[in-house]
Amino acid sequence: VNAPVETICERVREGSIDAVQLHGDETERDIQEL
């Protein structure tokens, strides 16, 4: 929920998740950055 892009990327790199669910006010710009 409205997490920094880098935080989300860290969780992916750690291998704990296979997909990202954005449940806050994230925008198209956030999606593009990810």
PDB file of all heavy atoms in Angstrom:
ATOM      1  N   VAL A   1       0.852  -1.186   0.000  1.00  0.00           N
ATOM      2  CA  VAL A   1       0.000   0.000   0.000  1.00  0.00           C
ATOM      3  C   VAL A   1       0.889   1.237   0.000  1.00  0.00           C
ATOM      4  O   VAL A   1       1.532   1.551   1.008  1.00  0.00           O
ATOM      5  CB  VAL A   1      -0.945   0.018   1.218  1.00  0.00           C
ATOM      6  CG1 VAL A   1      -1.740   1.330   1.262  1.00  0.00           C
ATOM      7  CG2 VAL A   1      -1.904  -1.166   1.173  1.00  0.00           C
ATOM      8  N   ASN A   2       0.971   1.899  -1.150  1.00  0.00           N
ATOM      9  CA  ASN A   2       1.745   3.144  -1.287  1.00  0.00           C
ATOM     10  C   ASN A   2       3.194   2.982  -0.821  1.00  0.00           C
ATOM     11  O   ASN A   2       3.774   3.890  -0.220  1.00  0.00           O
ATOM     12  CB  ASN A   2       1.068   4.281  -0.512  1.00  0.00           C
ATOM     13  CG  ASN A   2      -0.353   4.538  -0.999  1.00  0.00           C
ATOM     14  OD1 ASN A   2      -0.655   4.354  -2.172  1.00  0.00           O
ATOM     15  ND2 ASN A   2      -1.224   4.939  -0.097  1.00  0.00           N
ATOM     16  N   ALA A   3       3.773   1.829  -1.091  1.00  0.00           N
ATOM     17  CA  ALA A   3       5.158   1.563  -0.697  1.00  0.00           C
ATOM     18  C   ALA A   3       6.120   2.155  -1.714  1.00  0.00           C
ATOM     19  O   ALA A   3       5.804   2.230  -2.912  1.00  0.00           O
ATOM     20  CB  ALA A   3       5.394   0.058  -0.578  1.00  0.00           C
ATOM     21  N   PRO A   4       7.315   2.570  -1.282  1.00  0.00           N
ATOM     22  CA  PRO A   4       8.321   3.032  -2.243  1.00  0.00           C
ATOM     23  C   PRO A   4       8.660   1.930  -3.248  1.00  0.00           C
ATOM     24  O   PRO A   4       8.675   0.741  -2.908  1.00  0.00           O
ATOM     25  CB  PRO A   4       9.531   3.357  -1.357  1.00  0.00           C
ATOM     26  CG  PRO A   4       8.959   3.593   0.002  1.00  0.00           C
ATOM     27  CD  PRO A   4       7.786   2.666   0.111  1.00  0.00           C
ATOM     28  N   VAL A   5       8.946   2.344  -4.467  1.00  0.00           N
ATOM     29  CA  VAL A   5       9.278   1.385  -5.515  1.00  0.00           C
ATOM     30  C   VAL A   5      10.455   0.511  -5.099  1.00  0.00           C
ATOM     31  O   VAL A   5      10.449  -0.710  -5.322  1.00  0.00           O
ATOM     32  CB  VAL A   5       9.577   2.123  -6.836  1.00  0.00           C
ATOM     33  CG1 VAL A   5      10.229   1.189  -7.850  1.00  0.00           C
ATOM     34  CG2 VAL A   5       8.302   2.713  -7.414  1.00  0.00           C
ATOM     35  N   GLU A   6      11.461   1.101  -4.492  1.00  0.00           N
ATOM     36  CA  GLU A   6      12.636   0.336  -4.093  1.00  0.00           C
ATOM     37  C   GLU A   6      12.285  -0.741  -3.076  1.00  0.00           C
ATOM     38  O   GLU A   6      12.827  -1.848  -3.109  1.00  0.00           O
ATOM     39  CB  GLU A   6      13.721   1.263  -3.536  1.00  0.00           C
ATOM     40  CG  GLU A   6      14.989   0.552  -3.069  1.00  0.00           C
ATOM     41  CD  GLU A   6      15.620  -0.336  -4.136  1.00  0.00           C
ATOM     42  OE1 GLU A   6      15.518  -0.020  -5.348  1.00  0.00           O
ATOM     43  OE2 GLU A   6      16.215  -1.370  -3.748  1.00  0.00           O
ATOM     44  N   THR A   7      11.379  -0.427  -2.143  1.00  0.00           N
ATOM     45  CA  THR A   7      10.953  -1.422  -1.158  1.00  0.00           C
ATOM     46  C   THR A   7      10.307  -2.612  -1.840  1.00  0.00           C
ATOM     47  O   THR A   7      10.576  -3.772  -1.496  1.00  0.00           O
ATOM     48  CB  THR A   7       9.964  -0.787  -0.165  1.00  0.00           C
ATOM     49  OG1 THR A   7      10.615   0.265   0.547  1.00  0.00           O
ATOM     50  CG2 THR A   7       9.442  -1.818   0.823  1.00  0.00           C
ATOM     51  N   ILE A   8       9.451  -2.347  -2.811  1.00  0.00           N
ATOM     52  CA  ILE A   8       8.792  -3.425  -3.541  1.00  0.00           C
ATOM     53  C   ILE A   8       9.822  -4.270  -4.290  1.00  0.00           C
ATOM     54  O   ILE A   8       9.782  -5.505  -4.263  1.00  0.00           O
ATOM     55  CB  ILE A   8       7.761  -2.841  -4.519  1.00  0.00           C
ATOM     56  CG1 ILE A   8       6.665  -2.101  -3.743  1.00  0.00           C
ATOM     57  CG2 ILE A   8       7.160  -3.939  -5.390  1.00  0.00           C
ATOM     58  CD1 ILE A   8       5.700  -1.328  -4.626  1.00  0.00           C
ATOM     59  N   CYS A   9      10.766  -3.605  -4.927  1.00  0.00           N
ATOM     60  CA  CYS A   9      11.803  -4.327  -5.675  1.00  0.00           C
ATOM     61  C   CYS A   9      12.656  -5.199  -4.752  1.00  0.00           C
ATOM     62  O   CYS A   9      13.065  -6.308  -5.131  1.00  0.00           O
ATOM     63  CB  CYS A   9      12.679  -3.341  -6.432  1.00  0.00           C
ATOM     64  SG  CYS A   9      11.820  -2.466  -7.756  1.00  0.00           S
ATOM     65  N   GLU A  10      12.910  -4.725  -3.541  1.00  0.00           N
ATOM     66  CA  GLU A  10      13.683  -5.517  -2.581  1.00  0.00           C
ATOM     67  C   GLU A  10      12.973  -6.818  -2.249  1.00  0.00           C
ATOM     68  O   GLU A  10      13.591  -7.882  -2.163  1.00  0.00           O
ATOM     69  CB  GLU A  10      13.912  -4.708  -1.309  1.00  0.00           C
ATOM     70  CG  GLU A  10      14.949  -3.611  -1.428  1.00  0.00           C
ATOM     71  CD  GLU A  10      15.080  -2.798  -0.150  1.00  0.00           C
ATOM     72  OE1 GLU A  10      14.416  -3.166   0.853  1.00  0.00           O
ATOM     73  OE2 GLU A  10      15.817  -1.800  -0.153  1.00  0.00           O
ATOM     74  N   ARG A  11      11.645  -6.755  -2.057  1.00  0.00           N
ATOM     75  CA  ARG A  11      10.890  -7.975  -1.737  1.00  0.00           C
ATOM     76  C   ARG A  11      10.955  -8.965  -2.903  1.00  0.00           C
ATOM     77  O   ARG A  11      11.076 -10.171  -2.685  1.00  0.00           O
ATOM     78  CB  ARG A  11       9.440  -7.627  -1.434  1.00  0.00           C
ATOM     79  CG  ARG A  11       9.187  -6.663  -0.282  1.00  0.00           C
ATOM     80  CD  ARG A  11       9.534  -7.225   1.086  1.00  0.00           C
ATOM     81  NE  ARG A  11      10.961  -7.099   1.363  1.00  0.00           N
ATOM     82  CZ  ARG A  11      11.546  -5.975   1.770  1.00  0.00           C
ATOM     83  NH1 ARG A  11      10.841  -4.868   1.937  1.00  0.00           N
ATOM     84  NH2 ARG A  11      12.846  -5.952   2.035  1.00  0.00           N
ATOM     85  N   VAL A  12      10.903  -8.454  -4.124  1.00  0.00           N
ATOM     86  CA  VAL A  12      10.999  -9.341  -5.289  1.00  0.00           C
ATOM     87  C   VAL A  12      12.378  -9.984  -5.348  1.00  0.00           C
ATOM     88  O   VAL A  12      12.518 -11.194  -5.568  1.00  0.00           O
ATOM     89  CB  VAL A  12      10.697  -8.558  -6.582  1.00  0.00           C
ATOM     90  CG1 VAL A  12      10.955  -9.439  -7.802  1.00  0.00           C
ATOM     91  CG2 VAL A  12       9.254  -8.050  -6.595  1.00  0.00           C
ATOM     92  N   ARG A  13      13.428  -9.167  -5.139  1.00  0.00           N
ATOM     93  CA  ARG A  13      14.797  -9.693  -5.210  1.00  0.00           C
ATOM     94  C   ARG A  13      15.066 -10.726  -4.122  1.00  0.00           C
ATOM     95  O   ARG A  13      15.866 -11.652  -4.321  1.00  0.00           O
ATOM     96  CB  ARG A  13      15.797  -8.539  -5.104  1.00  0.00           C
ATOM     97  CG  ARG A  13      15.852  -7.657  -6.357  1.00  0.00           C
ATOM     98  CD  ARG A  13      17.069  -6.764  -6.348  1.00  0.00           C
ATOM     99  NE  ARG A  13      17.022  -5.769  -5.276  1.00  0.00           N
ATOM    100  CZ  ARG A  13      16.581  -4.518  -5.427  1.00  0.00           C
ATOM    101  NH1 ARG A  13      16.136  -4.113  -6.612  1.00  0.00           N
ATOM    102  NH2 ARG A  13      16.588  -3.682  -4.412  1.00  0.00           N
ATOM    103  N   GLU A  14      14.414 -10.589  -2.983  1.00  0.00           N
ATOM    104  CA  GLU A  14      14.608 -11.550  -1.894  1.00  0.00           C
ATOM    105  C   GLU A  14      14.008 -12.916  -2.210  1.00  0.00           C
ATOM    106  O   GLU A  14      14.321 -13.906  -1.556  1.00  0.00           O
ATOM    107  CB  GLU A  14      13.965 -11.012  -0.611  1.00  0.00           C
ATOM    108  CG  GLU A  14      14.720  -9.850   0.006  1.00  0.00           C
ATOM    109  CD  GLU A  14      13.904  -9.117   1.054  1.00  0.00           C
ATOM    110  OE1 GLU A  14      12.705  -9.435   1.222  1.00  0.00           O
ATOM    111  OE2 GLU A  14      14.465  -8.205   1.707  1.00  0.00           O
ATOM    112  N   GLY A  15      13.139 -12.962  -3.200  1.00  0.00           N
ATOM    113  CA  GLY A  15      12.559 -14.234  -3.616  1.00  0.00           C
ATOM    114  C   GLY A  15      11.335 -14.669  -2.840  1.00  0.00           C
ATOM    115  O   GLY A  15      10.879 -15.804  -2.990  1.00  0.00           O
ATOM    116  N   SER A  16      10.765 -13.766  -2.024  1.00  0.00           N
ATOM    117  CA  SER A  16       9.601 -14.163  -1.227  1.00  0.00           C
ATOM    118  C   SER A  16       8.299 -14.052  -2.006  1.00  0.00           C
ATOM    119  O   SER A  16       7.294 -14.639  -1.609  1.00  0.00           O
ATOM    120  CB  SER A  16       9.509 -13.312   0.047  1.00  0.00           C
ATOM    121  OG  SER A  16       9.344 -11.940  -0.259  1.00  0.00           O
ATOM    122  N   ILE A  17       8.306 -13.308  -3.115  1.00  0.00           N
ATOM    123  CA  ILE A  17       7.061 -13.136  -3.872  1.00  0.00           C
ATOM    124  C   ILE A  17       7.303 -13.316  -5.372  1.00  0.00           C
ATOM    125  O   ILE A  17       8.392 -13.061  -5.878  1.00  0.00           O
ATOM    126  CB  ILE A  17       6.430 -11.755  -3.611  1.00  0.00           C
ATOM    127  CG1 ILE A  17       7.395 -10.608  -3.946  1.00  0.00           C
ATOM    128  CG2 ILE A  17       5.956 -11.658  -2.171  1.00  0.00           C
ATOM    129  CD1 ILE A  17       6.781  -9.224  -3.831  1.00  0.00           C
ATOM    130  N   ASP A  18       6.240 -13.778  -6.043  1.00  0.00           N
ATOM    131  CA  ASP A  18       6.278 -14.016  -7.480  1.00  0.00           C
ATOM    132  C   ASP A  18       5.485 -12.968  -8.255  1.00  0.00           C
ATOM    133  O   ASP A  18       5.517 -12.950  -9.491  1.00  0.00           O
ATOM    134  CB  ASP A  18       5.681 -15.395  -7.799  1.00  0.00           C
ATOM    135  CG  ASP A  18       6.336 -16.495  -6.992  1.00  0.00           C
ATOM    136  OD1 ASP A  18       7.541 -16.719  -7.183  1.00  0.00           O
ATOM    137  OD2 ASP A  18       5.642 -17.116  -6.159  1.00  0.00           O
ATOM    138  N   ALA A  19       4.740 -12.122  -7.552  1.00  0.00           N
ATOM    139  CA  ALA A  19       3.930 -11.087  -8.184  1.00  0.00           C
ATOM    140  C   ALA A  19       3.724  -9.955  -7.187  1.00  0.00           C
ATOM    141  O   ALA A  19       3.820 -10.156  -5.969  1.00  0.00           O
ATOM    142  CB  ALA A  19       2.587 -11.647  -8.631  1.00  0.00           C
ATOM    143  N   VAL A  20       3.449  -8.764  -7.713  1.00  0.00           N
ATOM    144  CA  VAL A  20       3.271  -7.564  -6.898  1.00  0.00           C
ATOM    145  C   VAL A  20       1.818  -7.108  -6.997  1.00  0.00           C
ATOM    146  O   VAL A  20       1.283  -6.937  -8.097  1.00  0.00           O
ATOM    147  CB  VAL A  20       4.201  -6.431  -7.377  1.00  0.00           C
ATOM    148  CG1 VAL A  20       3.820  -5.097  -6.742  1.00  0.00           C
ATOM    149  CG2 VAL A  20       5.652  -6.788  -7.066  1.00  0.00           C
ATOM    150  N   GLN A  21       1.190  -6.913  -5.849  1.00  0.00           N
ATOM    151  CA  GLN A  21      -0.176  -6.388  -5.803  1.00  0.00           C
ATOM    152  C   GLN A  21      -0.154  -5.006  -5.166  1.00  0.00           C
ATOM    153  O   GLN A  21       0.214  -4.855  -4.006  1.00  0.00           O
ATOM    154  CB  GLN A  21      -1.082  -7.326  -5.000  1.00  0.00           C
ATOM    155  CG  GLN A  21      -2.526  -6.851  -4.893  1.00  0.00           C
ATOM    156  CD  GLN A  21      -3.384  -7.853  -4.161  1.00  0.00           C
ATOM    157  OE1 GLN A  21      -3.300  -9.060  -4.413  1.00  0.00           O
ATOM    158  NE2 GLN A  21      -4.213  -7.390  -3.241  1.00  0.00           N
ATOM    159  N   LEU A  22      -0.542  -4.004  -5.927  1.00  0.00           N
ATOM    160  CA  LEU A  22      -0.558  -2.619  -5.464  1.00  0.00           C
ATOM    161  C   LEU A  22      -1.956  -2.297  -4.967  1.00  0.00           C
ATOM    162  O   LEU A  22      -2.907  -2.231  -5.756  1.00  0.00           O
ATOM    163  CB  LEU A  22      -0.163  -1.682  -6.609  1.00  0.00           C
ATOM    164  CG  LEU A  22       1.187  -1.975  -7.278  1.00  0.00           C
ATOM    165  CD1 LEU A  22       1.401  -1.051  -8.468  1.00  0.00           C
ATOM    166  CD2 LEU A  22       2.328  -1.829  -6.268  1.00  0.00           C
ATOM    167  N   HIS A  23      -2.087  -2.060  -3.673  1.00  0.00           N
ATOM    168  CA  HIS A  23      -3.414  -1.930  -3.083  1.00  0.00           C
ATOM    169  C   HIS A  23      -3.686  -0.526  -2.557  1.00  0.00           C
ATOM    170  O   HIS A  23      -4.628  -0.318  -1.790  1.00  0.00           O
ATOM    171  CB  HIS A  23      -3.584  -2.943  -1.947  1.00  0.00           C
ATOM    172  CG  HIS A  23      -4.974  -3.496  -1.868  1.00  0.00           C
ATOM    173  ND1 HIS A  23      -5.332  -4.720  -2.375  1.00  0.00           N
ATOM    174  CD2 HIS A  23      -6.116  -2.973  -1.356  1.00  0.00           C
ATOM    175  CE1 HIS A  23      -6.611  -4.940  -2.157  1.00  0.00           C
ATOM    176  NE2 HIS A  23      -7.117  -3.891  -1.541  1.00  0.00           N
ATOM    177  N   GLY A  24      -2.867   0.448  -2.959  1.00  0.00           N
ATOM    178  CA  GLY A  24      -3.054   1.810  -2.476  1.00  0.00           C
ATOM    179  C   GLY A  24      -3.473   2.755  -3.577  1.00  0.00           C
ATOM    180  O   GLY A  24      -4.318   2.442  -4.410  1.00  0.00           O
ATOM    181  N   ASP A  25      -2.839   3.933  -3.592  1.00  0.00           N
ATOM    182  CA  ASP A  25      -3.173   4.981  -4.564  1.00  0.00           C
ATOM    183  C   ASP A  25      -2.137   5.058  -5.677  1.00  0.00           C
ATOM    184  O   ASP A  25      -1.923   6.132  -6.253  1.00  0.00           O
ATOM    185  CB  ASP A  25      -3.266   6.331  -3.844  1.00  0.00           C
ATOM    186  CG  ASP A  25      -4.256   6.285  -2.693  1.00  0.00           C
ATOM    187  OD1 ASP A  25      -5.404   5.854  -2.925  1.00  0.00           O
ATOM    188  OD2 ASP A  25      -3.885   6.667  -1.559  1.00  0.00           O
ATOM    189  N   GLU A  26      -1.510   3.956  -5.968  1.00  0.00           N
ATOM    190  CA  GLU A  26      -0.452   3.933  -6.984  1.00  0.00           C
ATOM    191  C   GLU A  26      -0.995   4.338  -8.358  1.00  0.00           C
ATOM    192  O   GLU A  26      -2.149   4.053  -8.695  1.00  0.00           O
ATOM    193  CB  GLU A  26       0.181   2.545  -7.056  1.00  0.00           C
ATOM    194  CG  GLU A  26       0.817   2.087  -5.751  1.00  0.00           C
ATOM    195  CD  GLU A  26      -0.146   1.401  -4.803  1.00  0.00           C
ATOM    196  OE1 GLU A  26      -1.341   1.243  -5.173  1.00  0.00           O
ATOM    197  OE2 GLU A  26       0.265   1.034  -3.700  1.00  0.00           O
ATOM    198  N   THR A  27      -0.141   4.970  -9.143  1.00  0.00           N
ATOM    199  CA  THR A  27      -0.541   5.508 -10.438  1.00  0.00           C
ATOM    200  C   THR A  27       0.132   4.746 -11.581  1.00  0.00           C
ATOM    201  O   THR A  27       0.985   3.874 -11.356  1.00  0.00           O
ATOM    202  CB  THR A  27      -0.135   6.987 -10.536  1.00  0.00           C
ATOM    203  OG1 THR A  27       1.304   7.068 -10.501  1.00  0.00           O
ATOM    204  CG2 THR A  27      -0.714   7.795  -9.374  1.00  0.00           C
ATOM    205  N   GLU A  28      -0.220   5.141 -12.803  1.00  0.00           N
ATOM    206  CA  GLU A  28       0.425   4.578 -13.982  1.00  0.00           C
ATOM    207  C   GLU A  28       1.929   4.823 -13.943  1.00  0.00           C
ATOM    208  O   GLU A  28       2.720   3.957 -14.347  1.00  0.00           O
ATOM    209  CB  GLU A  28      -0.182   5.183 -15.246  1.00  0.00           C
ATOM    210  CG  GLU A  28       0.502   4.782 -16.547  1.00  0.00           C
ATOM    211  CD  GLU A  28       0.382   3.297 -16.864  1.00  0.00           C
ATOM    212  OE1 GLU A  28      -0.493   2.606 -16.290  1.00  0.00           O
ATOM    213  OE2 GLU A  28       1.158   2.818 -17.707  1.00  0.00           O
ATOM    214  N   ARG A  29       2.320   5.966 -13.447  1.00  0.00           N
ATOM    215  CA  ARG A  29       3.753   6.264 -13.353  1.00  0.00           C
ATOM    216  C   ARG A  29       4.461   5.269 -12.434  1.00  0.00           C
ATOM    217  O   ARG A  29       5.575   4.818 -12.745  1.00  0.00           O
ATOM    218  CB  ARG A  29       3.949   7.687 -12.818  1.00  0.00           C
ATOM    219  CG  ARG A  29       5.410   8.122 -12.730  1.00  0.00           C
ATOM    220  CD  ARG A  29       5.505   9.566 -12.294  1.00  0.00           C
ATOM    221  NE  ARG A  29       6.903  10.001 -12.181  1.00  0.00           N
ATOM    222  CZ  ARG A  29       7.255  11.231 -11.859  1.00  0.00           C
ATOM    223  NH1 ARG A  29       6.335  12.158 -11.601  1.00  0.00           N
ATOM    224  NH2 ARG A  29       8.534  11.541 -11.770  1.00  0.00           N
ATOM    225  N   ASP A  30       3.843   4.917 -11.326  1.00  0.00           N
ATOM    226  CA  ASP A  30       4.432   3.922 -10.414  1.00  0.00           C
ATOM    227  C   ASP A  30       4.555   2.568 -11.102  1.00  0.00           C
ATOM    228  O   ASP A  30       5.567   1.865 -10.956  1.00  0.00           O
ATOM    229  CB  ASP A  30       3.563   3.781  -9.159  1.00  0.00           C
ATOM    230  CG  ASP A  30       3.489   5.057  -8.351  1.00  0.00           C
ATOM    231  OD1 ASP A  30       4.536   5.709  -8.178  1.00  0.00           O
ATOM    232  OD2 ASP A  30       2.386   5.406  -7.897  1.00  0.00           O
ATOM    233  N   ILE A  31       3.525   2.188 -11.825  1.00  0.00           N
ATOM    234  CA  ILE A  31       3.556   0.910 -12.532  1.00  0.00           C
ATOM    235  C   ILE A  31       4.668   0.889 -13.566  1.00  0.00           C
ATOM    236  O   ILE A  31       5.423  -0.096 -13.681  1.00  0.00           O
ATOM    237  CB  ILE A  31       2.186   0.637 -13.193  1.00  0.00           C
ATOM    238  CG1 ILE A  31       1.112   0.444 -12.123  1.00  0.00           C
ATOM    239  CG2 ILE A  31       2.258  -0.593 -14.103  1.00  0.00           C
ATOM    240  CD1 ILE A  31      -0.308   0.390 -12.660  1.00  0.00           C
ATOM    241  N   GLN A  32       4.807   1.976 -14.301  1.00  0.00           N
ATOM    242  CA  GLN A  32       5.864   2.062 -15.305  1.00  0.00           C
ATOM    243  C   GLN A  32       7.251   1.984 -14.672  1.00  0.00           C
ATOM    244  O   GLN A  32       8.165   1.354 -15.225  1.00  0.00           O
ATOM    245  CB  GLN A  32       5.720   3.351 -16.115  1.00  0.00           C
ATOM    246  CG  GLN A  32       4.515   3.384 -17.033  1.00  0.00           C
ATOM    247  CD  GLN A  32       4.632   2.387 -18.177  1.00  0.00           C
ATOM    248  OE1 GLN A  32       5.718   1.942 -18.537  1.00  0.00           O
ATOM    249  NE2 GLN A  32       3.499   2.015 -18.748  1.00  0.00           N
ATOM    250  N   GLU A  33       7.420   2.620 -13.527  1.00  0.00           N
ATOM    251  CA  GLU A  33       8.721   2.570 -12.837  1.00  0.00           C
ATOM    252  C   GLU A  33       9.030   1.153 -12.384  1.00  0.00           C
ATOM    253  O   GLU A  33      10.170   0.683 -12.498  1.00  0.00           O
ATOM    254  CB  GLU A  33       8.705   3.515 -11.637  1.00  0.00           C
ATOM    255  CG  GLU A  33      10.033   3.634 -10.911  1.00  0.00           C
ATOM    256  CD  GLU A  33      11.156   4.185 -11.783  1.00  0.00           C
ATOM    257  OE1 GLU A  33      10.867   4.957 -12.724  1.00  0.00           O
ATOM    258  OE2 GLU A  33      12.326   3.835 -11.522  1.00  0.00           O
ATOM    259  N   LEU A  34       8.033   0.455 -11.887  1.00  0.00           N
ATOM    260  CA  LEU A  34       8.240  -0.936 -11.497  1.00  0.00           C
ATOM    261  C   LEU A  34       8.585  -1.794 -12.715  1.00  0.00           C
ATOM    262  O   LEU A  34       9.444  -2.681 -12.635  1.00  0.00           O
ATOM    263  CB  LEU A  34       6.984  -1.480 -10.810  1.00  0.00           C
ATOM    264  CG  LEU A  34       6.754  -1.029  -9.370  1.00  0.00           C
ATOM    265  CD1 LEU A  34       5.349  -1.400  -8.905  1.00  0.00           C
ATOM    266  CD2 LEU A  34       7.801  -1.643  -8.434  1.00  0.00           C
TER     267      LEU A  34
END
